[in-house]
Amino acid sequence: MQFHNAGPALFGVAPYVPGLMRYIQKYNIQLNLGSRLMAVDGPNHTATFAKAGADGTVTETQVKFDMLHVVPPQKPLAVVAKSPLADASGFVEVDPTTLRHTRFANVFSLGDACSTPNSKTAAAARKQAPLVAEHLLAAIDGRALVYAYDGYGSCPLTVEHGKVILAEFGYGGKLLPSFPLDSTVPRRLNWWLKASFLPWMYWNAMLKGREWLALPRHKNG
């Protein structure tokens, strides 16, 4: 089994890497960092990866596979990237704290479309949506924007059947666990949250605007 990651680390938030590395070793997975998928030849079951050396030289390698699971790189929609709302990267240019556009005061953005430097996860949108709603109402009334988004995102990382590492973090890689437990440790509780509670919360709370657990945080508290 091989794991190829175009980035320089197994996971972008360092405290979670040791726990994940233990499973890389447990399952005898060949870890390939800085390895970017370039092409897939489906009929011949061959994937081509490119990796840059220390001197900048790029080497391409072809790998045979029985099964290939591919996660595409995140990029903005063309309709956004080509609009006046976008920044240089193509995402809607917002203040990372208030989620208000930096040039158009009547525009707010959240989720996968906005330029905030956080992980684009459902958990992030869950935290951003109530804040944007409050700030939209404040902008309409001419009031100050008093809430702050801290970059919260969450990645439930399934490491084995029945156990999940619930990675929760904000801007700068700051750990933001929801429970008074070491969030870098795989737990059965996290498996239950991912398999049972989070789907229920998504359908019955988030989509109905009844997310009482995601109230926006005041800038001063």
N, C-alpha and C. Protein backbone atom coordinates (compact mmCIF):
# COMPACT_ATOMS: atom_id res chain seq x y z
N MET A 1 0.83 -1.18 0.00
CA MET A 1 0.00 0.00 0.00
C MET A 1 0.88 1.24 0.00
N GLN A 2 0.51 2.23 -0.81
CA GLN A 2 1.27 3.48 -0.88
C GLN A 2 0.36 4.66 -0.61
N PHE A 3 0.94 5.70 -0.01
CA PHE A 3 0.23 6.96 0.20
C PHE A 3 1.08 8.07 -0.40
N HIS A 4 0.54 8.75 -1.38
CA HIS A 4 1.23 9.85 -2.04
C HIS A 4 0.56 11.16 -1.66
N ASN A 5 1.36 12.12 -1.23
CA ASN A 5 0.85 13.43 -0.84
C ASN A 5 1.69 14.50 -1.54
N ALA A 6 1.02 15.40 -2.24
CA ALA A 6 1.77 16.46 -2.94
C ALA A 6 2.43 17.43 -1.98
N GLY A 7 1.93 17.49 -0.74
CA GLY A 7 2.49 18.39 0.26
C GLY A 7 3.73 17.83 0.92
N PRO A 8 4.37 18.63 1.79
CA PRO A 8 5.62 18.22 2.43
C PRO A 8 5.44 17.43 3.72
N ALA A 9 4.18 17.27 4.18
CA ALA A 9 3.94 16.59 5.45
C ALA A 9 2.74 15.66 5.33
N LEU A 10 2.69 14.68 6.22
CA LEU A 10 1.59 13.73 6.23
C LEU A 10 0.27 14.44 6.52
N PHE A 11 0.31 15.42 7.43
CA PHE A 11 -0.88 16.20 7.78
C PHE A 11 -0.42 17.62 8.10
N GLY A 12 -1.24 18.60 7.77
CA GLY A 12 -0.82 19.99 7.88
C GLY A 12 -0.70 20.54 9.28
N VAL A 13 -1.23 19.86 10.28
CA VAL A 13 -1.15 20.31 11.67
C VAL A 13 -0.25 19.33 12.42
N ALA A 14 0.93 19.79 12.80
CA ALA A 14 2.01 18.93 13.29
C ALA A 14 1.64 18.02 14.45
N PRO A 15 0.88 18.47 15.48
CA PRO A 15 0.61 17.59 16.62
C PRO A 15 -0.12 16.29 16.25
N TYR A 16 -0.78 16.27 15.09
CA TYR A 16 -1.51 15.05 14.71
C TYR A 16 -0.64 14.06 13.93
N VAL A 17 0.54 14.50 13.51
CA VAL A 17 1.38 13.64 12.67
C VAL A 17 1.88 12.39 13.40
N PRO A 18 2.39 12.48 14.65
CA PRO A 18 2.90 11.27 15.30
C PRO A 18 1.87 10.15 15.40
N GLY A 19 0.63 10.49 15.76
CA GLY A 19 -0.41 9.47 15.86
C GLY A 19 -0.71 8.83 14.53
N LEU A 20 -0.73 9.63 13.47
CA LEU A 20 -0.97 9.09 12.14
C LEU A 20 0.21 8.25 11.66
N MET A 21 1.43 8.67 12.00
CA MET A 21 2.61 7.92 11.59
C MET A 21 2.63 6.52 12.21
N ARG A 22 2.09 6.38 13.40
CA ARG A 22 2.06 5.06 14.02
C ARG A 22 1.23 4.09 13.18
N TYR A 23 0.17 4.62 12.54
CA TYR A 23 -0.65 3.76 11.69
C TYR A 23 0.00 3.54 10.33
N ILE A 24 0.74 4.52 9.85
CA ILE A 24 1.52 4.32 8.62
C ILE A 24 2.47 3.13 8.82
N GLN A 25 3.11 3.09 9.98
CA GLN A 25 4.04 2.00 10.29
C GLN A 25 3.30 0.69 10.56
N LYS A 26 2.19 0.77 11.27
CA LYS A 26 1.42 -0.42 11.60
C LYS A 26 0.94 -1.14 10.35
N TYR A 27 0.49 -0.38 9.36
CA TYR A 27 -0.03 -0.98 8.13
C TYR A 27 1.05 -1.14 7.06
N ASN A 28 2.28 -0.78 7.41
CA ASN A 28 3.41 -0.92 6.47
C ASN A 28 3.13 -0.18 5.17
N ILE A 29 2.67 1.06 5.29
CA ILE A 29 2.35 1.89 4.13
C ILE A 29 3.60 2.62 3.67
N GLN A 30 3.85 2.61 2.38
CA GLN A 30 4.96 3.36 1.81
C GLN A 30 4.53 4.82 1.67
N LEU A 31 5.16 5.71 2.43
CA LEU A 31 4.79 7.13 2.45
C LEU A 31 5.63 7.91 1.45
N ASN A 32 4.96 8.64 0.57
CA ASN A 32 5.63 9.44 -0.46
C ASN A 32 5.17 10.88 -0.34
N LEU A 33 6.01 11.75 0.23
CA LEU A 33 5.67 13.15 0.39
C LEU A 33 6.23 13.96 -0.78
N GLY A 34 5.59 15.06 -1.11
CA GLY A 34 6.02 15.86 -2.25
C GLY A 34 5.83 15.14 -3.56
N SER A 35 4.90 14.21 -3.59
CA SER A 35 4.66 13.37 -4.77
C SER A 35 3.32 13.76 -5.39
N ARG A 36 3.36 14.38 -6.55
CA ARG A 36 2.16 14.92 -7.19
C ARG A 36 1.69 14.01 -8.33
N LEU A 37 0.41 13.65 -8.27
CA LEU A 37 -0.17 12.82 -9.32
C LEU A 37 -0.29 13.63 -10.62
N MET A 38 0.28 13.11 -11.70
CA MET A 38 0.29 13.82 -12.98
C MET A 38 -0.66 13.22 -14.01
N ALA A 39 -0.81 11.89 -13.99
CA ALA A 39 -1.65 11.24 -14.99
C ALA A 39 -2.07 9.86 -14.49
N VAL A 40 -3.21 9.40 -15.00
CA VAL A 40 -3.71 8.06 -14.68
C VAL A 40 -4.07 7.34 -15.98
N ASP A 41 -3.50 6.18 -16.16
CA ASP A 41 -3.82 5.32 -17.29
C ASP A 41 -4.68 4.19 -16.75
N GLY A 42 -5.99 4.39 -16.83
CA GLY A 42 -6.92 3.43 -16.25
C GLY A 42 -6.83 2.04 -16.83
N PRO A 43 -6.90 1.89 -18.16
CA PRO A 43 -6.86 0.54 -18.75
C PRO A 43 -5.62 -0.25 -18.38
N ASN A 44 -4.48 0.45 -18.23
CA ASN A 44 -3.23 -0.23 -17.88
C ASN A 44 -2.90 -0.17 -16.40
N HIS A 45 -3.82 0.38 -15.59
CA HIS A 45 -3.64 0.43 -14.14
C HIS A 45 -2.29 1.05 -13.77
N THR A 46 -2.00 2.22 -14.34
CA THR A 46 -0.73 2.88 -14.10
C THR A 46 -0.95 4.34 -13.74
N ALA A 47 -0.31 4.79 -12.67
CA ALA A 47 -0.36 6.20 -12.26
C ALA A 47 1.02 6.80 -12.38
N THR A 48 1.09 8.05 -12.84
CA THR A 48 2.37 8.74 -12.99
C THR A 48 2.46 9.84 -11.95
N PHE A 49 3.53 9.80 -11.15
CA PHE A 49 3.76 10.79 -10.11
C PHE A 49 5.02 11.59 -10.42
N ALA A 50 5.02 12.85 -10.04
CA ALA A 50 6.20 13.71 -10.22
C ALA A 50 6.68 14.18 -8.85
N LYS A 51 8.01 14.15 -8.67
CA LYS A 51 8.60 14.57 -7.39
C LYS A 51 9.84 15.41 -7.68
N ALA A 52 9.93 16.56 -7.00
CA ALA A 52 11.06 17.45 -7.18
C ALA A 52 12.17 17.11 -6.20
N GLY A 53 13.40 17.06 -6.68
CA GLY A 53 14.54 16.79 -5.83
C GLY A 53 15.04 18.05 -5.15
N ALA A 54 16.06 17.92 -4.32
CA ALA A 54 16.62 19.06 -3.59
C ALA A 54 17.17 20.13 -4.54
N ASP A 55 17.61 19.70 -5.72
CA ASP A 55 18.17 20.65 -6.68
C ASP A 55 17.12 21.19 -7.64
N GLY A 56 15.85 20.83 -7.40
CA GLY A 56 14.78 21.32 -8.24
C GLY A 56 14.46 20.43 -9.42
N THR A 57 15.26 19.41 -9.64
CA THR A 57 15.02 18.49 -10.75
C THR A 57 13.78 17.64 -10.48
N VAL A 58 12.88 17.58 -11.45
CA VAL A 58 11.64 16.82 -11.30
C VAL A 58 11.78 15.45 -11.94
N THR A 59 11.46 14.43 -11.15
CA THR A 59 11.52 13.05 -11.64
C THR A 59 10.12 12.46 -11.68
N GLU A 60 9.77 11.85 -12.79
CA GLU A 60 8.47 11.20 -12.92
C GLU A 60 8.62 9.69 -12.74
N THR A 61 7.67 9.12 -12.01
CA THR A 61 7.69 7.69 -11.73
C THR A 61 6.33 7.09 -12.04
N GLN A 62 6.34 5.95 -12.68
CA GLN A 62 5.09 5.25 -12.98
C GLN A 62 4.89 4.12 -11.97
N VAL A 63 3.69 4.06 -11.42
CA VAL A 63 3.37 3.08 -10.39
C VAL A 63 2.16 2.26 -10.83
N LYS A 64 2.28 0.96 -10.79
CA LYS A 64 1.16 0.08 -11.09
C LYS A 64 0.23 0.01 -9.88
N PHE A 65 -1.07 -0.08 -10.12
CA PHE A 65 -2.01 -0.15 -8.99
C PHE A 65 -3.12 -1.15 -9.29
N ASP A 66 -3.64 -1.72 -8.19
CA ASP A 66 -4.85 -2.55 -8.27
C ASP A 66 -6.08 -1.68 -8.02
N MET A 67 -5.95 -0.75 -7.06
CA MET A 67 -7.00 0.22 -6.78
C MET A 67 -6.35 1.57 -6.50
N LEU A 68 -6.92 2.62 -7.05
CA LEU A 68 -6.37 3.98 -6.87
C LEU A 68 -7.47 4.89 -6.36
N HIS A 69 -7.22 5.50 -5.21
CA HIS A 69 -8.16 6.48 -4.65
C HIS A 69 -7.52 7.86 -4.78
N VAL A 70 -8.17 8.75 -5.53
CA VAL A 70 -7.59 10.06 -5.84
C VAL A 70 -8.43 11.18 -5.22
N VAL A 71 -7.76 12.10 -4.56
CA VAL A 71 -8.40 13.32 -4.05
C VAL A 71 -7.89 14.48 -4.88
N PRO A 72 -8.75 15.15 -5.64
CA PRO A 72 -8.29 16.24 -6.50
C PRO A 72 -7.87 17.45 -5.68
N PRO A 73 -7.00 18.29 -6.22
CA PRO A 73 -6.60 19.51 -5.51
C PRO A 73 -7.76 20.49 -5.42
N GLN A 74 -7.80 21.25 -4.34
CA GLN A 74 -8.85 22.25 -4.18
C GLN A 74 -8.54 23.46 -5.06
N LYS A 75 -9.55 23.93 -5.77
CA LYS A 75 -9.38 25.13 -6.58
C LYS A 75 -10.72 25.84 -6.67
N PRO A 76 -10.71 27.14 -6.96
CA PRO A 76 -11.97 27.89 -7.01
C PRO A 76 -12.74 27.61 -8.29
N LEU A 77 -14.03 27.88 -8.25
CA LEU A 77 -14.85 27.79 -9.45
C LEU A 77 -14.47 28.92 -10.39
N ALA A 78 -14.52 28.64 -11.68
CA ALA A 78 -14.13 29.64 -12.68
C ALA A 78 -15.00 30.89 -12.58
N VAL A 79 -16.29 30.71 -12.28
CA VAL A 79 -17.19 31.86 -12.21
C VAL A 79 -16.75 32.83 -11.11
N VAL A 80 -16.12 32.30 -10.06
CA VAL A 80 -15.60 33.15 -8.98
C VAL A 80 -14.23 33.70 -9.35
N ALA A 81 -13.36 32.82 -9.82
CA ALA A 81 -11.98 33.21 -10.12
C ALA A 81 -11.90 34.32 -11.17
N LYS A 82 -12.85 34.35 -12.09
CA LYS A 82 -12.84 35.33 -13.17
C LYS A 82 -13.65 36.59 -12.83
N SER A 83 -14.14 36.67 -11.62
CA SER A 83 -14.97 37.81 -11.22
C SER A 83 -14.16 38.84 -10.43
N PRO A 84 -14.67 40.06 -10.27
CA PRO A 84 -13.98 41.09 -9.48
C PRO A 84 -13.89 40.74 -7.99
N LEU A 85 -14.64 39.73 -7.56
CA LEU A 85 -14.65 39.36 -6.15
C LEU A 85 -13.41 38.58 -5.73
N ALA A 86 -12.70 38.00 -6.70
CA ALA A 86 -11.62 37.07 -6.40
C ALA A 86 -10.31 37.77 -6.06
N ASP A 87 -9.49 37.07 -5.27
CA ASP A 87 -8.12 37.51 -5.03
C ASP A 87 -7.21 36.83 -6.05
N ALA A 88 -5.91 36.95 -5.86
CA ALA A 88 -4.97 36.40 -6.84
C ALA A 88 -5.08 34.88 -6.97
N SER A 89 -5.52 34.21 -5.90
CA SER A 89 -5.64 32.75 -5.95
C SER A 89 -6.96 32.29 -6.55
N GLY A 90 -7.89 33.22 -6.76
CA GLY A 90 -9.16 32.88 -7.39
C GLY A 90 -10.32 32.71 -6.43
N PHE A 91 -10.05 32.79 -5.12
CA PHE A 91 -11.11 32.67 -4.14
C PHE A 91 -11.66 34.05 -3.78
N VAL A 92 -12.88 34.09 -3.22
CA VAL A 92 -13.48 35.36 -2.82
C VAL A 92 -12.63 35.98 -1.72
N GLU A 93 -12.19 37.20 -1.93
CA GLU A 93 -11.24 37.86 -1.04
C GLU A 93 -11.96 38.42 0.19
N VAL A 94 -11.73 37.80 1.33
CA VAL A 94 -12.41 38.23 2.56
C VAL A 94 -11.42 38.47 3.69
N ASP A 95 -11.87 39.25 4.66
CA ASP A 95 -11.13 39.37 5.90
C ASP A 95 -11.26 38.03 6.63
N PRO A 96 -10.16 37.40 7.03
CA PRO A 96 -10.24 36.05 7.61
C PRO A 96 -10.97 35.99 8.95
N THR A 97 -11.16 37.13 9.59
CA THR A 97 -11.83 37.15 10.89
C THR A 97 -13.32 37.45 10.76
N THR A 98 -13.68 38.45 9.96
CA THR A 98 -15.09 38.85 9.83
C THR A 98 -15.79 38.19 8.66
N LEU A 99 -15.03 37.65 7.71
CA LEU A 99 -15.54 37.04 6.48
C LEU A 99 -16.23 38.05 5.56
N ARG A 100 -15.94 39.33 5.78
CA ARG A 100 -16.44 40.38 4.91
C ARG A 100 -15.43 40.63 3.79
N HIS A 101 -15.90 40.92 2.60
CA HIS A 101 -15.01 41.19 1.48
C HIS A 101 -14.14 42.40 1.80
N THR A 102 -12.88 42.32 1.42
CA THR A 102 -11.94 43.39 1.75
C THR A 102 -12.13 44.64 0.90
N ARG A 103 -12.88 44.51 -0.22
CA ARG A 103 -13.08 45.68 -1.10
C ARG A 103 -14.54 46.04 -1.30
N PHE A 104 -15.44 45.09 -1.09
CA PHE A 104 -16.87 45.34 -1.26
C PHE A 104 -17.56 45.09 0.08
N ALA A 105 -17.95 46.17 0.74
CA ALA A 105 -18.48 46.07 2.10
C ALA A 105 -19.80 45.33 2.19
N ASN A 106 -20.52 45.20 1.08
CA ASN A 106 -21.81 44.51 1.10
C ASN A 106 -21.71 43.05 0.68
N VAL A 107 -20.49 42.52 0.64
CA VAL A 107 -20.28 41.13 0.23
C VAL A 107 -19.61 40.35 1.35
N PHE A 108 -20.15 39.17 1.63
CA PHE A 108 -19.56 38.24 2.58
C PHE A 108 -19.42 36.88 1.89
N SER A 109 -18.50 36.07 2.37
CA SER A 109 -18.31 34.75 1.76
C SER A 109 -17.91 33.74 2.82
N LEU A 110 -18.22 32.48 2.56
CA LEU A 110 -17.86 31.42 3.50
C LEU A 110 -17.67 30.11 2.74
N GLY A 111 -17.21 29.10 3.46
CA GLY A 111 -17.09 27.76 2.90
C GLY A 111 -15.98 27.64 1.86
N ASP A 112 -16.21 26.79 0.88
CA ASP A 112 -15.18 26.48 -0.12
C ASP A 112 -14.85 27.65 -1.02
N ALA A 113 -15.72 28.65 -1.10
CA ALA A 113 -15.52 29.75 -2.05
C ALA A 113 -14.60 30.84 -1.52
N CYS A 114 -14.46 30.95 -0.21
CA CYS A 114 -13.77 32.12 0.34
C CYS A 114 -12.28 31.88 0.54
N SER A 115 -11.54 32.96 0.74
CA SER A 115 -10.07 32.91 0.74
C SER A 115 -9.47 32.65 2.12
N THR A 116 -10.27 32.37 3.13
CA THR A 116 -9.72 32.13 4.46
C THR A 116 -8.72 30.97 4.44
N PRO A 117 -7.58 31.11 5.12
CA PRO A 117 -6.52 30.09 5.08
C PRO A 117 -6.77 28.94 6.04
N ASN A 118 -7.96 28.38 5.99
CA ASN A 118 -8.29 27.25 6.85
C ASN A 118 -8.64 26.05 5.98
N SER A 119 -8.74 24.89 6.59
CA SER A 119 -9.15 23.70 5.86
C SER A 119 -10.59 23.86 5.40
N LYS A 120 -10.85 23.54 4.13
CA LYS A 120 -12.20 23.68 3.57
C LYS A 120 -13.00 22.43 3.94
N THR A 121 -13.60 22.46 5.12
CA THR A 121 -14.36 21.32 5.61
C THR A 121 -15.78 21.75 5.96
N ALA A 122 -16.67 20.78 6.08
CA ALA A 122 -18.04 21.07 6.50
C ALA A 122 -18.06 21.71 7.88
N ALA A 123 -17.12 21.28 8.73
CA ALA A 123 -17.04 21.83 10.08
C ALA A 123 -16.71 23.32 10.05
N ALA A 124 -15.89 23.73 9.08
CA ALA A 124 -15.55 25.15 8.95
C ALA A 124 -16.79 25.94 8.53
N ALA A 125 -17.51 25.44 7.52
CA ALA A 125 -18.72 26.13 7.07
C ALA A 125 -19.76 26.19 8.18
N ARG A 126 -19.80 25.14 8.99
CA ARG A 126 -20.75 25.10 10.12
C ARG A 126 -20.49 26.24 11.09
N LYS A 127 -19.22 26.55 11.33
CA LYS A 127 -18.86 27.64 12.24
C LYS A 127 -19.01 29.00 11.56
N GLN A 128 -18.77 29.06 10.26
CA GLN A 128 -18.80 30.33 9.55
C GLN A 128 -20.22 30.84 9.30
N ALA A 129 -21.14 29.93 9.03
CA ALA A 129 -22.49 30.34 8.61
C ALA A 129 -23.22 31.22 9.63
N PRO A 130 -23.26 30.87 10.93
CA PRO A 130 -23.94 31.76 11.87
C PRO A 130 -23.26 33.12 11.98
N LEU A 131 -21.92 33.14 11.88
CA LEU A 131 -21.20 34.41 11.95
C LEU A 131 -21.55 35.30 10.76
N VAL A 132 -21.57 34.72 9.56
CA VAL A 132 -21.93 35.50 8.38
C VAL A 132 -23.36 36.01 8.47
N ALA A 133 -24.26 35.19 8.98
CA ALA A 133 -25.66 35.62 9.14
C ALA A 133 -25.75 36.83 10.07
N GLU A 134 -25.04 36.76 11.21
CA GLU A 134 -25.06 37.88 12.16
C GLU A 134 -24.44 39.13 11.54
N HIS A 135 -23.34 38.95 10.80
CA HIS A 135 -22.66 40.10 10.21
C HIS A 135 -23.44 40.69 9.04
N LEU A 136 -24.18 39.89 8.31
CA LEU A 136 -25.05 40.41 7.26
C LEU A 136 -26.11 41.32 7.85
N LEU A 137 -26.73 40.86 8.93
CA LEU A 137 -27.76 41.67 9.60
C LEU A 137 -27.15 42.96 10.16
N ALA A 138 -25.94 42.85 10.72
CA ALA A 138 -25.28 44.04 11.27
C ALA A 138 -24.95 45.03 10.16
N ALA A 139 -24.48 44.52 9.01
CA ALA A 139 -24.14 45.39 7.89
C ALA A 139 -25.38 46.11 7.36
N ILE A 140 -26.49 45.41 7.28
CA ILE A 140 -27.74 46.02 6.81
C ILE A 140 -28.18 47.14 7.75
N ASP A 141 -28.00 46.91 9.06
CA ASP A 141 -28.42 47.90 10.06
C ASP A 141 -27.37 48.98 10.32
N GLY A 142 -26.19 48.83 9.69
CA GLY A 142 -25.13 49.81 9.90
C GLY A 142 -24.42 49.65 11.22
N ARG A 143 -24.47 48.45 11.81
CA ARG A 143 -23.81 48.19 13.08
C ARG A 143 -22.41 47.61 12.86
N ALA A 144 -21.60 47.64 13.90
CA ALA A 144 -20.24 47.09 13.84
C ALA A 144 -20.28 45.57 13.76
N LEU A 145 -19.26 44.99 13.17
CA LEU A 145 -19.13 43.53 13.10
C LEU A 145 -18.38 43.07 14.34
N VAL A 146 -19.08 42.39 15.23
CA VAL A 146 -18.51 42.13 16.56
C VAL A 146 -18.04 40.69 16.76
N TYR A 147 -18.22 39.84 15.74
CA TYR A 147 -17.84 38.44 15.92
C TYR A 147 -16.56 38.12 15.15
N ALA A 148 -15.90 37.04 15.56
CA ALA A 148 -14.61 36.68 14.95
C ALA A 148 -14.56 35.18 14.67
N TYR A 149 -14.18 34.84 13.44
CA TYR A 149 -13.95 33.45 13.06
C TYR A 149 -12.50 33.11 13.34
N ASP A 150 -12.27 32.03 14.06
CA ASP A 150 -10.90 31.67 14.49
C ASP A 150 -10.23 30.64 13.59
N GLY A 151 -10.84 30.37 12.43
CA GLY A 151 -10.24 29.41 11.51
C GLY A 151 -10.57 27.96 11.82
N TYR A 152 -11.58 27.74 12.67
CA TYR A 152 -11.91 26.38 13.09
C TYR A 152 -12.22 25.47 11.90
N GLY A 153 -11.63 24.30 11.94
CA GLY A 153 -11.94 23.24 10.99
C GLY A 153 -11.76 21.91 11.68
N SER A 154 -12.37 20.88 11.12
CA SER A 154 -12.28 19.57 11.75
C SER A 154 -12.15 18.49 10.69
N CYS A 155 -11.27 17.53 10.94
CA CYS A 155 -11.07 16.40 10.04
C CYS A 155 -11.13 15.11 10.85
N PRO A 156 -12.24 14.37 10.81
CA PRO A 156 -12.28 13.07 11.47
C PRO A 156 -11.47 12.06 10.66
N LEU A 157 -10.35 11.65 11.20
CA LEU A 157 -9.41 10.79 10.48
C LEU A 157 -9.58 9.34 10.95
N THR A 158 -10.21 8.52 10.13
CA THR A 158 -10.42 7.12 10.47
C THR A 158 -9.12 6.35 10.31
N VAL A 159 -8.63 5.79 11.40
CA VAL A 159 -7.34 5.08 11.36
C VAL A 159 -7.50 3.57 11.47
N GLU A 160 -8.64 3.13 11.97
CA GLU A 160 -8.95 1.71 12.00
C GLU A 160 -10.44 1.57 12.27
N HIS A 161 -10.97 0.37 12.06
CA HIS A 161 -12.39 0.17 12.31
C HIS A 161 -12.69 0.41 13.79
N GLY A 162 -13.56 1.38 14.04
CA GLY A 162 -13.95 1.67 15.42
C GLY A 162 -13.15 2.77 16.08
N LYS A 163 -12.14 3.35 15.39
CA LYS A 163 -11.34 4.41 16.01
C LYS A 163 -11.07 5.55 15.02
N VAL A 164 -11.19 6.76 15.53
CA VAL A 164 -11.00 7.96 14.72
C VAL A 164 -10.17 8.97 15.51
N ILE A 165 -9.24 9.62 14.83
CA ILE A 165 -8.57 10.79 15.40
C ILE A 165 -9.37 12.01 14.96
N LEU A 166 -9.95 12.73 15.91
CA LEU A 166 -10.77 13.89 15.58
C LEU A 166 -9.88 15.14 15.62
N ALA A 167 -9.33 15.47 14.46
CA ALA A 167 -8.45 16.64 14.37
C ALA A 167 -9.29 17.91 14.32
N GLU A 168 -9.12 18.77 15.31
CA GLU A 168 -9.84 20.04 15.37
C GLU A 168 -8.81 21.15 15.60
N PHE A 169 -8.82 22.13 14.73
CA PHE A 169 -7.76 23.14 14.78
C PHE A 169 -8.23 24.42 14.11
N GLY A 170 -7.48 25.51 14.39
CA GLY A 170 -7.82 26.80 13.81
C GLY A 170 -6.62 27.43 13.13
N TYR A 171 -6.68 28.74 12.97
CA TYR A 171 -5.59 29.45 12.30
C TYR A 171 -4.26 29.18 13.00
N GLY A 172 -3.22 29.04 12.19
CA GLY A 172 -1.89 28.80 12.73
C GLY A 172 -1.68 27.42 13.30
N GLY A 173 -2.63 26.50 13.03
CA GLY A 173 -2.49 25.15 13.56
C GLY A 173 -2.83 25.02 15.03
N LYS A 174 -3.48 26.04 15.61
CA LYS A 174 -3.86 25.98 17.03
C LYS A 174 -4.91 24.90 17.23
N LEU A 175 -4.69 24.02 18.21
CA LEU A 175 -5.64 22.95 18.48
C LEU A 175 -6.87 23.53 19.17
N LEU A 176 -8.06 23.14 18.66
CA LEU A 176 -9.32 23.65 19.20
C LEU A 176 -10.27 22.48 19.48
N PRO A 177 -9.89 21.59 20.41
CA PRO A 177 -10.72 20.42 20.68
C PRO A 177 -12.06 20.79 21.31
N SER A 178 -13.10 20.06 20.94
CA SER A 178 -14.44 20.30 21.49
C SER A 178 -14.62 19.65 22.85
N PHE A 179 -13.75 18.69 23.18
CA PHE A 179 -13.86 17.96 24.43
C PHE A 179 -12.56 18.07 25.22
N PRO A 180 -12.62 17.96 26.53
CA PRO A 180 -11.40 18.06 27.36
C PRO A 180 -10.58 16.77 27.32
N LEU A 181 -10.24 16.34 26.10
CA LEU A 181 -9.47 15.13 25.88
C LEU A 181 -8.35 15.44 24.90
N ASP A 182 -7.31 14.62 24.92
CA ASP A 182 -6.21 14.77 23.98
C ASP A 182 -6.73 14.41 22.58
N SER A 183 -6.87 15.41 21.72
CA SER A 183 -7.48 15.17 20.41
C SER A 183 -6.54 14.48 19.43
N THR A 184 -5.28 14.29 19.81
CA THR A 184 -4.34 13.61 18.91
C THR A 184 -4.39 12.09 19.07
N VAL A 185 -5.22 11.61 20.01
CA VAL A 185 -5.31 10.18 20.30
C VAL A 185 -6.55 9.58 19.61
N PRO A 186 -6.42 8.46 18.92
CA PRO A 186 -7.59 7.81 18.30
C PRO A 186 -8.53 7.28 19.37
N ARG A 187 -9.85 7.50 19.19
CA ARG A 187 -10.82 7.10 20.20
C ARG A 187 -12.07 6.50 19.57
N ARG A 188 -12.70 5.59 20.33
CA ARG A 188 -13.97 5.01 19.89
C ARG A 188 -15.08 6.06 19.96
N LEU A 189 -14.99 7.00 20.90
CA LEU A 189 -15.97 8.08 20.98
C LEU A 189 -16.02 8.85 19.67
N ASN A 190 -14.87 9.11 19.09
CA ASN A 190 -14.82 9.86 17.84
C ASN A 190 -15.44 9.07 16.69
N TRP A 191 -15.29 7.74 16.73
CA TRP A 191 -15.93 6.90 15.72
C TRP A 191 -17.46 7.06 15.81
N TRP A 192 -17.99 7.02 17.02
CA TRP A 192 -19.43 7.18 17.21
C TRP A 192 -19.88 8.55 16.73
N LEU A 193 -19.09 9.59 17.04
CA LEU A 193 -19.43 10.93 16.58
C LEU A 193 -19.52 10.99 15.06
N LYS A 194 -18.52 10.41 14.38
CA LYS A 194 -18.48 10.47 12.93
C LYS A 194 -19.58 9.62 12.30
N ALA A 195 -19.79 8.43 12.84
CA ALA A 195 -20.72 7.48 12.22
C ALA A 195 -22.18 7.76 12.55
N SER A 196 -22.44 8.30 13.74
CA SER A 196 -23.83 8.43 14.19
C SER A 196 -24.26 9.88 14.46
N PHE A 197 -23.49 10.59 15.28
CA PHE A 197 -23.95 11.91 15.71
C PHE A 197 -23.82 12.97 14.61
N LEU A 198 -22.68 13.02 13.94
CA LEU A 198 -22.48 14.08 12.95
C LEU A 198 -23.47 14.00 11.79
N PRO A 199 -23.79 12.81 11.25
CA PRO A 199 -24.83 12.77 10.21
C PRO A 199 -26.17 13.26 10.72
N TRP A 200 -26.54 12.89 11.94
CA TRP A 200 -27.81 13.37 12.52
C TRP A 200 -27.79 14.88 12.65
N MET A 201 -26.69 15.42 13.15
CA MET A 201 -26.58 16.86 13.32
C MET A 201 -26.67 17.59 11.98
N TYR A 202 -26.04 17.01 10.95
CA TYR A 202 -26.05 17.64 9.62
C TYR A 202 -27.47 17.78 9.10
N TRP A 203 -28.23 16.68 9.12
CA TRP A 203 -29.57 16.70 8.54
C TRP A 203 -30.59 17.40 9.41
N ASN A 204 -30.45 17.30 10.73
CA ASN A 204 -31.49 17.80 11.62
C ASN A 204 -31.19 19.15 12.27
N ALA A 205 -29.93 19.59 12.20
CA ALA A 205 -29.58 20.87 12.82
C ALA A 205 -28.98 21.84 11.81
N MET A 206 -27.88 21.46 11.20
CA MET A 206 -27.18 22.37 10.30
C MET A 206 -28.06 22.84 9.15
N LEU A 207 -28.66 21.90 8.41
CA LEU A 207 -29.43 22.26 7.23
C LEU A 207 -30.74 22.97 7.56
N LYS A 208 -31.17 22.89 8.82
CA LYS A 208 -32.40 23.55 9.22
C LYS A 208 -32.15 24.84 9.99
N GLY A 209 -30.87 25.24 10.08
CA GLY A 209 -30.56 26.49 10.76
C GLY A 209 -30.77 26.45 12.25
N ARG A 210 -30.60 25.29 12.85
CA ARG A 210 -30.83 25.15 14.29
C ARG A 210 -29.55 24.71 14.99
N GLU A 211 -28.43 25.21 14.56
CA GLU A 211 -27.14 24.77 15.07
C GLU A 211 -26.75 25.58 16.29
N TRP A 212 -27.27 25.17 17.44
CA TRP A 212 -27.00 25.90 18.68
C TRP A 212 -25.59 25.69 19.21
N LEU A 213 -24.87 24.70 18.68
CA LEU A 213 -23.52 24.42 19.15
C LEU A 213 -22.46 25.21 18.38
N ALA A 214 -22.89 26.03 17.42
CA ALA A 214 -21.94 26.77 16.59
C ALA A 214 -22.19 28.27 16.65
N LEU A 215 -22.57 28.76 17.83
CA LEU A 215 -22.82 30.19 17.97
C LEU A 215 -21.52 30.96 17.74
N PRO A 216 -21.60 32.08 17.03
CA PRO A 216 -20.38 32.85 16.75
C PRO A 216 -19.72 33.40 18.00
N ARG A 217 -18.40 33.49 17.95
CA ARG A 217 -17.63 33.95 19.10
C ARG A 217 -17.38 35.44 18.99
N HIS A 218 -17.61 36.17 20.10
CA HIS A 218 -17.40 37.61 20.12
C HIS A 218 -15.90 37.92 20.03
N LYS A 219 -15.55 39.01 19.38
CA LYS A 219 -14.14 39.37 19.22
C LYS A 219 -13.43 39.55 20.55
N ASN A 220 -14.16 39.96 21.57
CA ASN A 220 -13.56 40.24 22.87
C ASN A 220 -13.72 39.11 23.87
N GLY A 221 -14.20 37.98 23.39
CA GLY A 221 -14.40 36.91 24.36
C GLY A 221 -14.39 35.54 23.73
